[in-house]
Each structure stands twice: as C-alpha cells, then as structure tokens.
Amino acid sequence: MLAIQGMPLHTRSLSVALSPLRSDRWLARGDVIDLRKNGFVPSTYDLQPSGIIHSMNIELELDPGSLEILEIRVAQPFVAIEASPETGGECCRDPAPRLLDLTGEKLDEDFGGRLGAVFGGPRGCSHLLTLFQLMASTIPRAAALERARVEREGRSPRPEERFFRRSLFLDGHERDDRTIDVAVQLADTHSRPIGPREPVLERLALSHEIKLQARIDRKRFQIETLTAGERSRTPETVGRAAWTRHDARLAPLVGVPLIPGLARRIFALVEGDPLARPLRDVLLQLAPGFIQVMAALMDAHFEQKAREPEGGATEAPAVANIGGNANSCYMWRTEGSILRSWAQRDEERGAS
C-alpha cells in the first residue's frame, strides 16, 4: 500500500482512546509524541538533539450523552523549550492552563472555532492545539459508533474498559535532495465487551484504516504526488475487505503548497460529506507534521554554511526554529521574550 523511500527523518504519533469511568462519565485521553530520527536543531539557548522532542497528553472527562467536557487535565513531559534565563523564564508549558477555560463546552460542530479562539496562534501551543483538534473530531465519531453498538447488542463495557482507539502516525523520509516522502496512517479500532471464553477477535466491532502517501518538494513546500486508500473490517470481513482508492478525489491538492492555505482546501474538498471526516483528519496532519519533518534536515543547512567561503555555522532558517514563524504559538509570539531578545541582539549587531 505504501512505498516510502529514503532516510528516516521524523515520526509523529497521535492517539485518542475512550473508556467509561462509570455509566454517566467517559474518559478520553489524547497523546502526541514527536520523535526526531536525524540531526540536531538549534533551540533558543541550546542544541536540540535527535530523540523525543514533544510528549504531551490531554485527558477529558465527558458526559457521554451531550459530550460536555466536565474536566480537563493537561501534561507535557517533553517540550521543545524549557524555562531558562534566555527565555525570560517562559516555557512551552505556560499556555496550557488556558485549555481549562473550555470546561463546560460541548464537542459539537462549532467547538473547533471556540478552541481556536481560546488556544490558537500566540495564545497557545501548536502541538496541544493539533492534538485537541484531533480529539474534537474523533470523540463524536467514537460516541456515535458506541451508541449504535450498545443499542444493537445491549452490552456496555465495564468501567475503564477501552471501547475505541484512534492511532495516527506520520512518517517523513528524505527521498533525495529535492523531495520528502511522507506517509500518514490512521487506524480506528472500535471494540466490544466479550465474555471470558469468547475468542479475542470477537472484541473487534470495527477496524477502519486510511493509508496516505505524499511526495513533497522540500524547496517549495509543494505536494508533488498524493495517493490514499481506505477500508473497513469486521470479524466477518477481516480476510476479504477491499481498499477504496481516493487518488482521483485528492487530485485537486496535487501541485498546491502545504503552507499556507492547505487546511482551507481540505475542508472544501470534503465539505458536505460526513463519511469523509476520517480522510479529512488524515489530510489535516500533513502541514503540521511536515514542519516537524523538515526540522530533522538542519544538518544539511549547517554543512552547507560551513563550506561557504566565510565558513562557520550561521543562524538556521526560520522554519527550523522549532516553533516556526512569529505568532505561530505562545513561545514565538512577537511580544515574547525570545523574539524580543533576538530583535535586541540584531540591533546590537547592526550597531557594531
């Protein structure tokens, strides 16, 4: 299905799991992990080596009927920028408490706009925002599947027995000095409760998968090729479920840039088709995931600069600076300590 080639650069993993805490409360947990497999990147005050770059999670306690958010918990064990004198004591964890303001909101069609207003751009963390957006899309789908299953089968899961998990992986590989291969794989697994003597495969209520491959022009951030397939399986169809190809549907995205404007094109592509929402969720990971992939190629930038006549390493391009452009997140807001200190440094260099 996928034919990725080249040197592994980066893997992003996103997951969303749901289980009942009791009959009137569900727990939803989302995780995002970024694993850099190549090179190093200059941070604000240090070199950020390969390894885990981000590890963050969000837990929501929900009313299973209305999908009202009853409690929110956020943890960020690994962040790109820790507090230091160079950051004025600021770090990537600072904006997370803003997410608590969404307590009492419902995960309805308008939730994405409310989430963006509270936590988008310089108000939040782009990685937590990406995770929460995926949770907000995933949970209503999982809830609909589970309600229909319980109504059909009459058996509810035990407390803390997981009934749904979405796993989404993005992998970037350096194909050559011009192109990056990107693979995105989604797996939705809906489970049913079973008795102690029932076959384990009977736990499977539904397996839904999407596999997507893109070839990206790394100089222009442009999609050169884009293919995808989708299939659903039940215990009865595990051995014979066929893949449905989406290549023709995705053709309008070939030749367009990843940044900016891809999200708008994706929403237009699937507008009015609720069955295409898992495909939409996969496509929406391309741009934020690709930024992480590109950061794993900074070695080439420094090697090139070292070979230039003046020699020596210089500042990395803006896209490599962990968070990206000004106001893309809290740490890179224009009035923040990092950009203000950089502006002051540039002024001092100009004066000398």
Protein backbone atom coordinates (compact mmCIF):
# COMPACT_ATOMS: atom_id res chain seq x y z
CA MET A 1 0.00 0.00 0.00
CA LEU A 2 2.81 2.42 0.91
CA ALA A 3 6.16 2.69 -0.88
CA ILE A 4 8.18 5.13 1.22
CA GLN A 5 11.85 5.52 0.32
CA GLY A 6 14.87 7.28 1.78
CA MET A 7 16.43 8.11 5.12
CA PRO A 8 14.00 8.16 8.09
CA LEU A 9 13.72 11.68 9.47
CA HIS A 10 10.82 12.01 11.89
CA THR A 11 7.75 10.21 13.25
CA ARG A 12 4.73 11.94 14.75
CA SER A 13 2.28 9.76 16.71
CA LEU A 14 -1.18 10.93 17.74
CA SER A 15 -3.68 8.76 19.59
CA VAL A 16 -7.12 9.12 21.14
CA ALA A 17 -8.60 6.45 23.43
CA LEU A 18 -12.04 6.33 25.10
CA SER A 19 -13.35 4.28 28.01
CA PRO A 20 -16.19 4.63 30.52
CA LEU A 21 -15.35 5.71 34.07
CA ARG A 22 -18.90 4.88 35.11
CA SER A 23 -22.30 4.85 33.43
CA ASP A 24 -22.57 8.64 33.37
CA ARG A 25 -18.97 9.63 32.62
CA TRP A 26 -16.41 8.79 29.93
CA LEU A 27 -12.67 9.34 29.89
CA ALA A 28 -10.96 10.41 26.66
CA ARG A 29 -7.17 10.57 26.54
CA GLY A 30 -5.14 12.03 23.69
CA ASP A 31 -1.36 11.80 23.24
CA VAL A 32 1.08 13.41 20.83
CA ILE A 33 4.70 12.28 20.52
CA ASP A 34 7.28 13.70 18.14
CA LEU A 35 10.35 11.51 17.58
CA ARG A 36 13.20 13.07 15.60
CA LYS A 37 15.42 10.46 13.98
CA ASN A 38 18.09 12.61 12.38
CA GLY A 39 20.29 15.59 13.11
CA PHE A 40 20.00 18.42 15.59
CA VAL A 41 18.24 21.77 15.68
CA PRO A 42 19.35 25.00 17.38
CA SER A 43 16.91 25.97 20.08
CA THR A 44 16.76 29.32 21.81
CA TYR A 45 19.76 28.60 24.01
CA ASP A 46 20.94 25.05 23.27
CA LEU A 47 21.12 22.34 20.61
CA GLN A 48 18.07 20.12 20.46
CA PRO A 49 19.33 16.62 19.50
CA SER A 50 17.51 13.70 17.95
CA GLY A 51 15.10 11.79 20.16
CA ILE A 52 11.76 12.66 21.73
CA ILE A 53 11.01 16.30 21.03
CA HIS A 54 7.43 16.53 22.26
CA SER A 55 5.41 14.26 24.54
CA MET A 56 2.08 15.74 25.65
CA ASN A 57 -1.32 14.45 26.65
CA ILE A 58 -4.82 15.74 27.31
CA GLU A 59 -7.43 13.95 29.40
CA LEU A 60 -11.11 14.86 29.16
CA GLU A 61 -13.90 13.61 31.38
CA LEU A 62 -17.12 13.79 29.36
CA ASP A 63 -20.86 13.42 29.68
CA PRO A 64 -21.48 10.51 27.29
CA GLY A 65 -24.85 11.85 26.14
CA SER A 66 -24.11 15.51 25.41
CA LEU A 67 -20.29 15.24 25.09
CA GLU A 68 -20.00 18.14 27.51
CA ILE A 69 -16.45 18.50 28.88
CA LEU A 70 -16.66 18.01 32.64
CA GLU A 71 -12.93 18.05 33.47
CA ILE A 72 -9.69 18.77 31.58
CA ARG A 73 -6.18 17.67 32.53
CA VAL A 74 -3.02 18.50 30.56
CA ALA A 75 0.51 17.10 30.92
CA GLN A 76 3.64 17.94 28.90
CA PRO A 77 6.55 15.70 29.99
CA PHE A 78 8.69 16.73 26.97
CA VAL A 79 8.55 20.20 25.45
CA ALA A 80 10.78 21.93 22.90
CA ILE A 81 11.66 24.92 25.08
CA GLU A 82 12.14 24.75 28.83
CA ALA A 83 12.25 27.80 31.07
CA SER A 84 15.68 29.44 31.24
CA PRO A 85 17.25 32.89 31.68
CA GLU A 86 17.47 33.08 27.89
CA THR A 87 13.67 32.72 27.60
CA GLY A 88 12.94 35.14 30.43
CA GLY A 89 11.62 32.24 32.47
CA GLU A 90 8.98 31.37 29.85
CA CYS A 91 8.45 27.84 28.53
CA CYS A 92 6.12 25.82 26.32
CA ARG A 93 4.02 24.74 29.32
CA ASP A 94 2.89 28.28 30.17
CA PRO A 95 -0.23 28.48 27.96
CA ALA A 96 -1.65 25.02 28.85
CA PRO A 97 -3.89 26.33 31.70
CA ARG A 98 -5.89 28.26 29.09
CA LEU A 99 -7.33 24.95 27.91
CA LEU A 100 -9.11 24.63 31.25
CA ASP A 101 -11.35 27.52 30.15
CA LEU A 102 -13.04 25.05 27.78
CA THR A 103 -14.53 23.12 30.71
CA GLY A 104 -18.29 23.06 30.22
CA GLU A 105 -18.08 23.29 26.42
CA LYS A 106 -19.61 20.59 24.21
CA LEU A 107 -17.78 18.78 21.42
CA ASP A 108 -20.19 19.91 18.72
CA GLU A 109 -19.70 21.23 15.18
CA ASP A 110 -18.70 24.69 16.45
CA PHE A 111 -16.18 23.54 19.03
CA GLY A 112 -13.19 23.98 16.70
CA GLY A 113 -13.81 27.69 16.42
CA ARG A 114 -14.09 28.07 20.18
CA LEU A 115 -10.89 26.07 20.67
CA GLY A 116 -9.02 28.28 18.20
CA ALA A 117 -10.26 31.43 19.92
CA VAL A 118 -9.01 30.21 23.29
CA PHE A 119 -5.78 28.49 22.25
CA GLY A 120 -4.86 29.33 18.65
CA GLY A 121 -1.75 31.14 17.43
CA PRO A 122 0.14 33.15 20.08
CA ARG A 123 -2.39 32.17 22.75
CA GLY A 124 -1.37 28.51 22.85
CA CYS A 125 0.86 25.59 21.92
CA SER A 126 0.53 24.39 18.33
CA HIS A 127 1.13 20.74 19.33
CA LEU A 128 -1.54 20.66 22.03
CA LEU A 129 -3.84 22.50 19.62
CA THR A 130 -3.29 19.86 16.92
CA LEU A 131 -3.98 17.11 19.46
CA PHE A 132 -7.13 18.73 20.83
CA GLN A 133 -8.44 19.34 17.30
CA LEU A 134 -8.00 15.65 16.52
CA MET A 135 -9.74 14.69 19.79
CA ALA A 136 -12.63 17.01 18.98
CA SER A 137 -13.09 15.29 15.62
CA THR A 138 -12.53 11.75 16.89
CA ILE A 139 -14.73 11.66 20.00
CA PRO A 140 -18.10 12.36 18.33
CA ARG A 141 -17.37 9.63 15.75
CA ALA A 142 -16.44 7.16 18.51
CA ALA A 143 -19.52 8.10 20.53
CA ALA A 144 -21.85 7.53 17.57
CA LEU A 145 -20.31 4.11 16.88
CA GLU A 146 -20.55 3.06 20.52
CA ARG A 147 -24.13 4.23 20.99
CA ALA A 148 -25.20 2.32 17.89
CA ARG A 149 -23.36 -0.80 19.04
CA VAL A 150 -24.86 -0.75 22.54
CA GLU A 151 -28.35 -0.24 21.11
CA ARG A 152 -27.78 -3.15 18.71
CA GLU A 153 -26.07 -5.58 21.11
CA GLY A 154 -27.30 -4.49 24.53
CA ARG A 155 -23.92 -4.93 26.25
CA SER A 156 -21.95 -2.00 27.68
CA PRO A 157 -18.23 -2.02 28.51
CA ARG A 158 -17.07 -2.26 32.10
CA PRO A 159 -15.60 0.81 33.82
CA GLU A 160 -12.15 1.61 32.40
CA GLU A 161 -12.58 -0.95 29.58
CA ARG A 162 -11.46 0.83 26.40
CA PHE A 163 -14.05 0.78 23.61
CA PHE A 164 -12.35 2.97 20.99
CA ARG A 165 -8.83 3.94 19.99
CA ARG A 166 -7.65 6.10 17.12
CA SER A 167 -3.96 5.89 16.20
CA LEU A 168 -2.48 8.22 13.62
CA PHE A 169 1.16 8.12 12.51
CA LEU A 170 3.05 10.46 10.20
CA ASP A 171 6.49 9.42 8.95
CA GLY A 172 8.86 11.55 6.87
CA HIS A 173 11.77 10.19 4.82
CA GLU A 174 14.38 12.09 2.81
CA ARG A 175 13.98 10.60 -0.67
CA ASP A 176 16.65 12.79 -2.29
CA ASP A 177 17.95 16.35 -2.04
CA ARG A 178 14.73 17.68 -3.56
CA THR A 179 11.86 15.56 -2.24
CA ILE A 180 10.47 14.19 1.01
CA ASP A 181 8.27 11.11 1.18
CA VAL A 182 5.52 11.39 3.80
CA ALA A 183 3.26 8.54 4.91
CA VAL A 184 0.21 9.04 7.14
CA GLN A 185 -1.59 6.03 8.58
CA LEU A 186 -4.85 6.12 10.53
CA ALA A 187 -6.35 3.17 12.41
CA ASP A 188 -9.69 3.43 14.23
CA THR A 189 -10.41 0.36 16.36
CA HIS A 190 -13.86 0.07 17.89
CA SER A 191 -14.09 -2.71 20.49
CA ARG A 192 -16.98 -4.57 22.13
CA PRO A 193 -17.01 -6.28 25.56
CA ILE A 194 -16.72 -10.06 25.48
CA GLY A 195 -17.04 -12.90 27.97
CA PRO A 196 -14.06 -14.86 29.38
CA ARG A 197 -14.44 -17.77 26.93
CA GLU A 198 -15.20 -15.84 23.78
CA PRO A 199 -12.48 -15.62 21.05
CA VAL A 200 -10.39 -12.44 21.38
CA LEU A 201 -11.15 -11.47 17.79
CA GLU A 202 -14.77 -11.04 18.88
CA ARG A 203 -13.57 -7.91 20.69
CA LEU A 204 -13.41 -6.26 17.27
CA ALA A 205 -16.54 -4.32 16.41
CA LEU A 206 -14.91 -2.31 13.60
CA SER A 207 -11.46 -1.62 12.20
CA HIS A 208 -11.25 1.42 9.93
CA GLU A 209 -7.97 2.33 8.20
CA ILE A 210 -6.61 5.01 5.91
CA LYS A 211 -3.14 4.95 4.39
CA LEU A 212 -1.88 8.04 2.58
CA GLN A 213 1.38 8.80 0.82
CA ALA A 214 2.59 12.21 -0.34
CA ARG A 215 5.73 13.30 -2.11
CA ILE A 216 6.69 16.86 -1.15
CA ASP A 217 9.02 19.27 -2.93
CA ARG A 218 11.09 20.34 0.06
CA LYS A 219 12.25 23.61 -1.53
CA ARG A 220 8.77 24.88 -2.44
CA PHE A 221 6.73 23.03 0.24
CA GLN A 222 4.55 21.77 -2.60
CA ILE A 223 2.67 18.48 -2.96
CA GLU A 224 4.00 16.61 -6.00
CA THR A 225 2.03 13.35 -5.65
CA LEU A 226 -0.76 12.26 -3.33
CA THR A 227 -2.39 8.84 -3.04
CA ALA A 228 -4.63 7.25 -0.41
CA GLY A 229 -6.69 4.15 0.29
CA GLU A 230 -9.36 3.36 2.88
CA ARG A 231 -11.01 0.20 4.17
CA SER A 232 -13.27 -1.04 6.99
CA ARG A 233 -13.21 -4.54 8.50
CA THR A 234 -15.36 -6.52 10.91
CA PRO A 235 -14.64 -10.02 12.26
CA GLU A 236 -16.65 -11.39 9.35
CA THR A 237 -14.75 -9.43 6.67
CA VAL A 238 -11.18 -9.43 8.04
CA GLY A 239 -9.95 -11.66 5.23
CA ARG A 240 -11.76 -10.05 2.30
CA ALA A 241 -12.32 -6.33 2.89
CA ALA A 242 -11.14 -4.31 -0.12
CA TRP A 243 -9.38 -0.96 -0.24
CA THR A 244 -11.18 2.03 -1.75
CA ARG A 245 -8.83 4.36 -3.61
CA HIS A 246 -9.08 8.14 -3.17
CA ASP A 247 -6.41 9.24 -5.65
CA ALA A 248 -8.89 10.92 -8.03
CA ARG A 249 -10.63 12.72 -5.17
CA LEU A 250 -7.29 14.08 -3.89
CA ALA A 251 -6.10 15.25 -7.31
CA PRO A 252 -7.05 18.94 -6.63
CA LEU A 253 -4.43 19.00 -3.85
CA VAL A 254 -1.56 17.93 -6.14
CA GLY A 255 0.58 20.91 -7.12
CA VAL A 256 -0.55 23.11 -4.24
CA PRO A 257 1.62 24.29 -1.31
CA LEU A 258 1.43 22.70 2.12
CA ILE A 259 1.85 26.13 3.69
CA PRO A 260 -0.20 28.30 3.66
CA GLY A 261 -3.84 27.51 2.88
CA LEU A 262 -3.92 23.71 2.77
CA ALA A 263 -6.48 23.35 5.56
CA ARG A 264 -8.94 25.58 3.70
CA ARG A 265 -8.56 23.45 0.57
CA ILE A 266 -9.04 20.23 2.55
CA PHE A 267 -12.27 21.44 4.17
CA ALA A 268 -13.58 22.49 0.76
CA LEU A 269 -12.67 19.09 -0.68
CA VAL A 270 -14.76 17.10 1.83
CA GLU A 271 -17.49 19.66 2.55
CA GLY A 272 -20.91 18.10 2.99
CA ASP A 273 -19.60 14.52 3.24
CA PRO A 274 -19.60 13.27 6.86
CA LEU A 275 -18.20 9.91 5.75
CA ALA A 276 -15.04 11.70 4.60
CA ARG A 277 -14.17 13.08 8.03
CA PRO A 278 -11.53 10.42 8.81
CA LEU A 279 -9.88 11.23 5.47
CA ARG A 280 -10.06 14.92 6.35
CA ASP A 281 -8.40 14.23 9.71
CA VAL A 282 -5.54 12.43 7.96
CA LEU A 283 -5.03 15.21 5.40
CA LEU A 284 -5.00 17.89 8.10
CA GLN A 285 -1.90 16.28 9.64
CA LEU A 286 0.25 16.88 6.55
CA ALA A 287 1.19 20.52 7.15
CA PRO A 288 1.94 20.46 10.93
CA GLY A 289 3.68 17.10 10.59
CA PHE A 290 5.83 18.27 7.70
CA ILE A 291 7.16 21.19 9.75
CA GLN A 292 8.48 18.63 12.25
CA VAL A 293 9.98 16.51 9.45
CA MET A 294 11.83 19.50 7.95
CA ALA A 295 13.46 20.30 11.29
CA ALA A 296 15.29 16.96 11.04
CA LEU A 297 17.16 18.26 7.97
CA MET A 298 19.01 21.12 9.62
CA ASP A 299 22.33 19.26 9.46
CA ALA A 300 22.40 19.88 5.72
CA HIS A 301 21.94 23.62 6.29
CA PHE A 302 24.89 23.84 8.67
CA GLU A 303 27.09 21.67 6.47
CA GLN A 304 26.43 23.98 3.53
CA LYS A 305 27.17 27.10 5.57
CA ALA A 306 30.41 25.58 6.87
CA ARG A 307 31.59 25.01 3.30
CA GLU A 308 30.95 28.60 2.22
CA PRO A 309 33.97 30.91 1.90
CA GLU A 310 33.36 32.74 5.15
CA GLY A 311 32.95 29.37 6.92
CA GLY A 312 31.28 28.67 10.20
CA ALA A 313 27.71 27.91 11.19
CA THR A 314 25.08 30.64 10.96
CA GLU A 315 21.55 31.04 12.16
CA ALA A 316 19.11 28.45 10.86
CA PRO A 317 16.23 29.36 8.54
CA ALA A 318 13.02 30.44 10.29
CA VAL A 319 11.22 27.16 9.60
CA ALA A 320 13.88 25.31 11.60
CA ASN A 321 13.45 27.36 14.74
CA ILE A 322 11.37 24.67 16.47
CA GLY A 323 8.13 26.60 16.53
CA GLY A 324 8.29 28.24 13.12
CA ASN A 325 7.00 31.69 12.28
CA ALA A 326 6.20 34.63 14.52
CA ASN A 327 2.92 34.21 16.43
CA SER A 328 2.63 30.54 15.46
CA CYS A 329 2.47 29.73 19.19
CA TYR A 330 2.95 31.28 22.62
CA MET A 331 6.73 30.94 22.70
CA TRP A 332 7.08 32.59 19.27
CA ARG A 333 4.68 35.47 19.86
CA THR A 334 6.07 38.83 18.79
CA GLU A 335 5.92 40.33 22.29
CA GLY A 336 7.51 37.26 23.91
CA SER A 337 10.95 37.09 25.48
CA ILE A 338 12.55 35.07 22.67
CA LEU A 339 11.69 37.30 19.72
CA ARG A 340 12.30 40.46 21.74
CA SER A 341 15.77 39.25 22.74
CA TRP A 342 16.54 38.28 19.14
CA ALA A 343 15.47 41.72 17.92
CA GLN A 344 17.69 43.35 20.53
CA ARG A 345 20.62 41.14 19.51
CA ASP A 346 20.15 42.07 15.84
CA GLU A 347 20.11 45.75 16.76
CA GLU A 348 23.34 45.36 18.71
CA ARG A 349 24.98 43.53 15.81
CA GLY A 350 23.89 46.27 13.42
CA ALA A 351 25.26 48.97 15.68
CA SER A 352 28.64 47.24 15.88
